Every structure is written in structure tokens, then in C-alpha cells.
């Protein structure tokens, strides 16, 4: 089963930041510079977390926010953007 995750990061080193962004691009879509929406299985989540953890330096931060299917109706934005794709994922 897939789950929607919002993944954010605050990384000071340019090279590490680019590497993590490149990894995240393989799992989801970039919605802002340091924010990705990723639809992940349990195995993908574990693999992604392990890969990211190995790159982090002290002081770096990566945050993982799970979103449930009921949260979709509450997602809003201003300006550019749209609802996360794949609406069948959110069916009850």
C-alpha cells in the first residue's frame, strides 16, 4: 500500500543538498525548492530513509510528514500548485 509523504529538508552543504534532491526526484515530485511530495510503499520509505541518512551531516534536517487519505480534502495552496496527483490513491 502506498502512502503520501511530504518530505522537507534544510541542508547547509550544497553538494549534499543536491544529492538528496536528486534522490528524492526519483520518488516523488518537487513542489517547492526543499519540499517533495512522495507516494511511497513501506519498502520504498525504508530504502529512501536509509539512503538519505547516510548523507546527512550534524546540523542537517530532513523531516517526514505522512498524510492520510482523509487529509487530502484539507490540502490547500495559494499561487502556483495543484493537489497531489493520483486521486485513486485517496479513495476510501
N, C-alpha and C. Protein backbone atom coordinates (compact mmCIF):
# COMPACT_ATOMS: atom_id res chain seq x y z
N UNK A 1 0.83 -1.18 0.00
CA UNK A 1 0.00 0.00 0.00
C UNK A 1 0.88 1.24 0.00
N UNK A 2 0.50 2.22 -0.78
CA UNK A 2 1.21 3.49 -0.85
C UNK A 2 0.66 4.48 0.17
N UNK A 3 1.54 5.37 0.58
CA UNK A 3 1.14 6.46 1.46
C UNK A 3 1.80 7.74 0.96
N UNK A 4 1.08 8.84 1.04
CA UNK A 4 1.63 10.12 0.63
C UNK A 4 2.46 10.71 1.76
N UNK A 5 3.67 11.12 1.43
CA UNK A 5 4.59 11.74 2.39
C UNK A 5 5.01 13.09 1.88
N UNK A 6 5.07 14.06 2.78
CA UNK A 6 5.68 15.35 2.50
C UNK A 6 7.07 15.28 3.13
N UNK A 7 8.09 15.48 2.32
CA UNK A 7 9.47 15.39 2.80
C UNK A 7 10.13 16.75 2.60
N UNK A 8 10.66 17.29 3.67
CA UNK A 8 11.32 18.60 3.62
C UNK A 8 12.74 18.45 4.13
N UNK A 9 13.59 19.36 3.71
CA UNK A 9 14.96 19.32 4.21
C UNK A 9 15.54 20.70 4.36
N UNK A 10 16.50 20.80 5.27
CA UNK A 10 17.29 22.01 5.49
C UNK A 10 18.73 21.54 5.63
N UNK A 11 19.49 21.69 4.56
CA UNK A 11 20.85 21.16 4.49
C UNK A 11 21.78 22.28 4.04
N UNK A 12 22.84 22.49 4.80
CA UNK A 12 23.71 23.63 4.54
C UNK A 12 24.71 23.40 3.39
N UNK A 13 25.18 22.18 3.23
CA UNK A 13 26.18 21.88 2.21
C UNK A 13 25.51 21.71 0.84
N UNK A 14 25.95 22.51 -0.14
CA UNK A 14 25.34 22.47 -1.47
C UNK A 14 25.39 21.07 -2.09
N UNK A 15 26.53 20.43 -2.03
CA UNK A 15 26.69 19.12 -2.67
C UNK A 15 25.74 18.10 -2.06
N UNK A 16 25.64 18.08 -0.73
CA UNK A 16 24.73 17.14 -0.05
C UNK A 16 23.29 17.48 -0.40
N UNK A 17 22.95 18.75 -0.41
CA UNK A 17 21.59 19.18 -0.73
C UNK A 17 21.20 18.73 -2.14
N UNK A 18 22.09 18.90 -3.10
CA UNK A 18 21.81 18.46 -4.48
C UNK A 18 21.66 16.95 -4.57
N UNK A 19 22.50 16.23 -3.84
CA UNK A 19 22.43 14.76 -3.87
C UNK A 19 21.10 14.27 -3.30
N UNK A 20 20.68 14.86 -2.20
CA UNK A 20 19.41 14.45 -1.60
C UNK A 20 18.25 14.82 -2.52
N UNK A 21 18.28 16.00 -3.11
CA UNK A 21 17.23 16.39 -4.05
C UNK A 21 17.17 15.41 -5.23
N UNK A 22 18.32 14.99 -5.74
CA UNK A 22 18.34 14.04 -6.85
C UNK A 22 17.72 12.70 -6.45
N UNK A 23 17.99 12.27 -5.23
CA UNK A 23 17.39 11.02 -4.74
C UNK A 23 15.88 11.18 -4.64
N UNK A 24 15.44 12.27 -4.03
CA UNK A 24 14.01 12.48 -3.84
C UNK A 24 13.26 12.61 -5.17
N UNK A 25 13.89 13.15 -6.19
CA UNK A 25 13.25 13.27 -7.51
C UNK A 25 12.87 11.90 -8.07
N UNK A 26 13.59 10.87 -7.66
CA UNK A 26 13.27 9.51 -8.12
C UNK A 26 12.05 8.92 -7.43
N UNK A 27 11.60 9.55 -6.36
CA UNK A 27 10.49 9.01 -5.58
C UNK A 27 9.24 9.88 -5.60
N UNK A 28 9.36 11.13 -6.04
CA UNK A 28 8.20 12.00 -6.00
C UNK A 28 8.40 13.25 -6.82
N UNK A 29 7.58 14.25 -6.52
CA UNK A 29 7.67 15.50 -7.26
C UNK A 29 8.06 16.63 -6.31
N UNK A 30 8.86 17.53 -6.85
CA UNK A 30 9.27 18.71 -6.08
C UNK A 30 8.15 19.74 -6.19
N UNK A 31 7.65 20.17 -5.03
CA UNK A 31 6.58 21.16 -5.03
C UNK A 31 7.10 22.54 -4.60
N UNK A 32 8.22 22.58 -3.94
CA UNK A 32 8.96 23.79 -3.64
C UNK A 32 10.42 23.40 -3.59
N UNK A 33 11.30 24.39 -3.42
CA UNK A 33 12.73 24.10 -3.52
C UNK A 33 13.17 22.96 -2.61
N UNK A 34 12.75 22.94 -1.37
CA UNK A 34 13.19 21.89 -0.45
C UNK A 34 12.03 21.07 0.08
N UNK A 35 10.97 20.93 -0.72
CA UNK A 35 9.79 20.16 -0.33
C UNK A 35 9.37 19.24 -1.46
N UNK A 36 9.21 17.98 -1.12
CA UNK A 36 8.77 16.97 -2.10
C UNK A 36 7.51 16.28 -1.61
N UNK A 37 6.64 15.91 -2.54
CA UNK A 37 5.51 15.04 -2.28
C UNK A 37 5.86 13.69 -2.88
N UNK A 38 5.86 12.67 -2.03
CA UNK A 38 6.26 11.34 -2.48
C UNK A 38 5.22 10.32 -2.06
N UNK A 39 4.82 9.48 -2.98
CA UNK A 39 3.91 8.39 -2.71
C UNK A 39 4.78 7.14 -2.58
N UNK A 40 4.84 6.58 -1.36
CA UNK A 40 5.82 5.53 -1.09
C UNK A 40 5.19 4.29 -0.47
N UNK A 41 5.70 3.14 -0.85
CA UNK A 41 5.37 1.90 -0.15
C UNK A 41 6.25 1.85 1.10
N UNK A 42 5.97 0.92 1.98
CA UNK A 42 6.79 0.76 3.18
C UNK A 42 8.24 0.47 2.84
N UNK A 43 8.48 -0.35 1.84
CA UNK A 43 9.84 -0.69 1.42
C UNK A 43 10.55 0.52 0.81
N UNK A 44 9.84 1.27 -0.01
CA UNK A 44 10.43 2.48 -0.60
C UNK A 44 10.80 3.49 0.48
N UNK A 45 9.91 3.64 1.46
CA UNK A 45 10.18 4.58 2.55
C UNK A 45 11.45 4.17 3.31
N UNK A 46 11.57 2.89 3.65
CA UNK A 46 12.75 2.41 4.36
C UNK A 46 14.02 2.60 3.55
N UNK A 47 13.97 2.30 2.26
CA UNK A 47 15.12 2.47 1.38
C UNK A 47 15.51 3.94 1.26
N UNK A 48 14.52 4.79 1.08
CA UNK A 48 14.78 6.22 0.94
C UNK A 48 15.37 6.79 2.22
N UNK A 49 14.80 6.46 3.37
CA UNK A 49 15.32 6.97 4.64
C UNK A 49 16.76 6.52 4.87
N UNK A 50 17.05 5.27 4.56
CA UNK A 50 18.42 4.77 4.74
C UNK A 50 19.39 5.52 3.84
N UNK A 51 19.00 5.75 2.60
CA UNK A 51 19.87 6.45 1.66
C UNK A 51 20.12 7.90 2.06
N UNK A 52 19.09 8.56 2.55
CA UNK A 52 19.23 9.95 2.98
C UNK A 52 20.05 10.05 4.26
N UNK A 53 19.79 9.17 5.20
CA UNK A 53 20.50 9.20 6.48
C UNK A 53 22.01 9.11 6.29
N UNK A 54 22.45 8.31 5.35
CA UNK A 54 23.88 8.15 5.11
C UNK A 54 24.56 9.40 4.57
N UNK A 55 23.79 10.37 4.11
CA UNK A 55 24.35 11.59 3.53
C UNK A 55 24.37 12.78 4.48
N UNK A 56 23.64 12.70 5.56
CA UNK A 56 23.45 13.86 6.44
C UNK A 56 24.66 14.13 7.33
N UNK A 57 24.90 15.42 7.53
CA UNK A 57 25.93 15.90 8.46
C UNK A 57 25.24 16.40 9.72
N UNK A 58 25.98 16.51 10.82
CA UNK A 58 25.38 17.11 12.02
C UNK A 58 24.86 18.51 11.68
N UNK A 59 23.69 18.82 12.15
CA UNK A 59 23.09 20.12 11.86
C UNK A 59 22.12 20.08 10.69
N UNK A 60 22.17 19.04 9.86
CA UNK A 60 21.22 18.89 8.75
C UNK A 60 19.88 18.40 9.30
N UNK A 61 18.82 18.67 8.54
CA UNK A 61 17.50 18.26 8.96
C UNK A 61 16.69 17.77 7.77
N UNK A 62 16.10 16.60 7.91
CA UNK A 62 15.12 16.08 6.95
C UNK A 62 13.90 15.70 7.76
N UNK A 63 12.74 16.17 7.33
CA UNK A 63 11.50 15.88 8.05
C UNK A 63 10.56 15.10 7.14
N UNK A 64 9.88 14.14 7.74
CA UNK A 64 8.99 13.23 7.03
C UNK A 64 7.58 13.37 7.61
N UNK A 65 6.65 13.87 6.81
CA UNK A 65 5.28 14.08 7.27
C UNK A 65 4.35 13.15 6.50
N UNK A 66 3.77 12.16 7.17
CA UNK A 66 2.80 11.29 6.49
C UNK A 66 1.45 11.99 6.38
N UNK A 67 0.79 11.79 5.25
CA UNK A 67 -0.56 12.32 5.07
C UNK A 67 -1.51 11.16 4.84
N UNK A 68 -2.59 11.16 5.57
CA UNK A 68 -3.58 10.10 5.40
C UNK A 68 -4.53 10.45 4.26
N UNK A 69 -5.30 9.50 3.84
CA UNK A 69 -6.21 9.72 2.72
C UNK A 69 -7.29 10.75 3.05
N UNK A 70 -7.61 10.91 4.32
CA UNK A 70 -8.63 11.87 4.71
C UNK A 70 -8.09 13.30 4.73
N UNK A 71 -6.78 13.47 4.74
CA UNK A 71 -6.18 14.80 4.76
C UNK A 71 -6.25 15.49 3.40
N UNK A 72 -6.47 14.75 2.35
CA UNK A 72 -6.42 15.33 1.00
C UNK A 72 -7.38 16.51 0.84
N UNK A 73 -8.57 16.38 1.42
CA UNK A 73 -9.55 17.45 1.28
C UNK A 73 -9.08 18.74 1.97
N UNK A 74 -8.16 18.63 2.89
CA UNK A 74 -7.68 19.79 3.63
C UNK A 74 -6.43 20.42 3.03
N UNK A 75 -5.87 19.82 1.99
CA UNK A 75 -4.68 20.40 1.35
C UNK A 75 -5.11 21.65 0.59
N UNK A 76 -4.43 22.75 0.85
CA UNK A 76 -4.73 23.97 0.11
C UNK A 76 -3.42 24.66 -0.23
N UNK A 77 -3.47 25.57 -1.16
CA UNK A 77 -2.29 26.29 -1.58
C UNK A 77 -2.73 27.62 -2.15
N UNK A 78 -1.79 28.52 -2.24
CA UNK A 78 -2.03 29.82 -2.87
C UNK A 78 -0.96 30.00 -3.92
N UNK A 79 -1.30 30.63 -5.01
CA UNK A 79 -0.35 30.79 -6.09
C UNK A 79 -0.24 29.50 -6.90
N UNK A 80 0.95 29.23 -7.40
CA UNK A 80 1.17 28.05 -8.22
C UNK A 80 0.99 26.78 -7.40
N UNK A 81 0.61 25.73 -8.08
CA UNK A 81 0.47 24.45 -7.42
C UNK A 81 -0.86 23.81 -7.72
N UNK A 82 -0.96 22.57 -7.32
CA UNK A 82 -2.20 21.82 -7.50
C UNK A 82 -2.21 20.69 -6.50
N UNK A 83 -3.36 20.04 -6.39
CA UNK A 83 -3.49 18.91 -5.47
C UNK A 83 -2.53 17.80 -5.88
N UNK A 84 -2.07 17.00 -4.93
CA UNK A 84 -1.24 15.86 -5.29
C UNK A 84 -1.96 15.00 -6.33
N UNK A 85 -1.21 14.46 -7.27
CA UNK A 85 -1.82 13.67 -8.33
C UNK A 85 -2.24 12.29 -7.83
N UNK A 86 -2.75 11.49 -8.73
CA UNK A 86 -3.17 10.12 -8.45
C UNK A 86 -4.32 10.07 -7.45
N UNK A 87 -5.46 10.66 -7.78
CA UNK A 87 -6.57 10.71 -6.83
C UNK A 87 -7.10 9.35 -6.40
N UNK A 88 -6.90 8.30 -7.19
CA UNK A 88 -7.41 6.98 -6.78
C UNK A 88 -6.71 6.49 -5.51
N UNK A 89 -5.55 7.00 -5.25
CA UNK A 89 -4.85 6.65 -4.01
C UNK A 89 -5.67 7.05 -2.80
N UNK A 90 -6.47 8.09 -2.93
CA UNK A 90 -7.19 8.64 -1.80
C UNK A 90 -8.59 8.08 -1.63
N UNK A 91 -8.98 7.12 -2.46
CA UNK A 91 -10.32 6.54 -2.34
C UNK A 91 -10.48 5.82 -1.01
N UNK A 92 -11.65 5.93 -0.42
CA UNK A 92 -11.93 5.26 0.85
C UNK A 92 -12.58 3.92 0.58
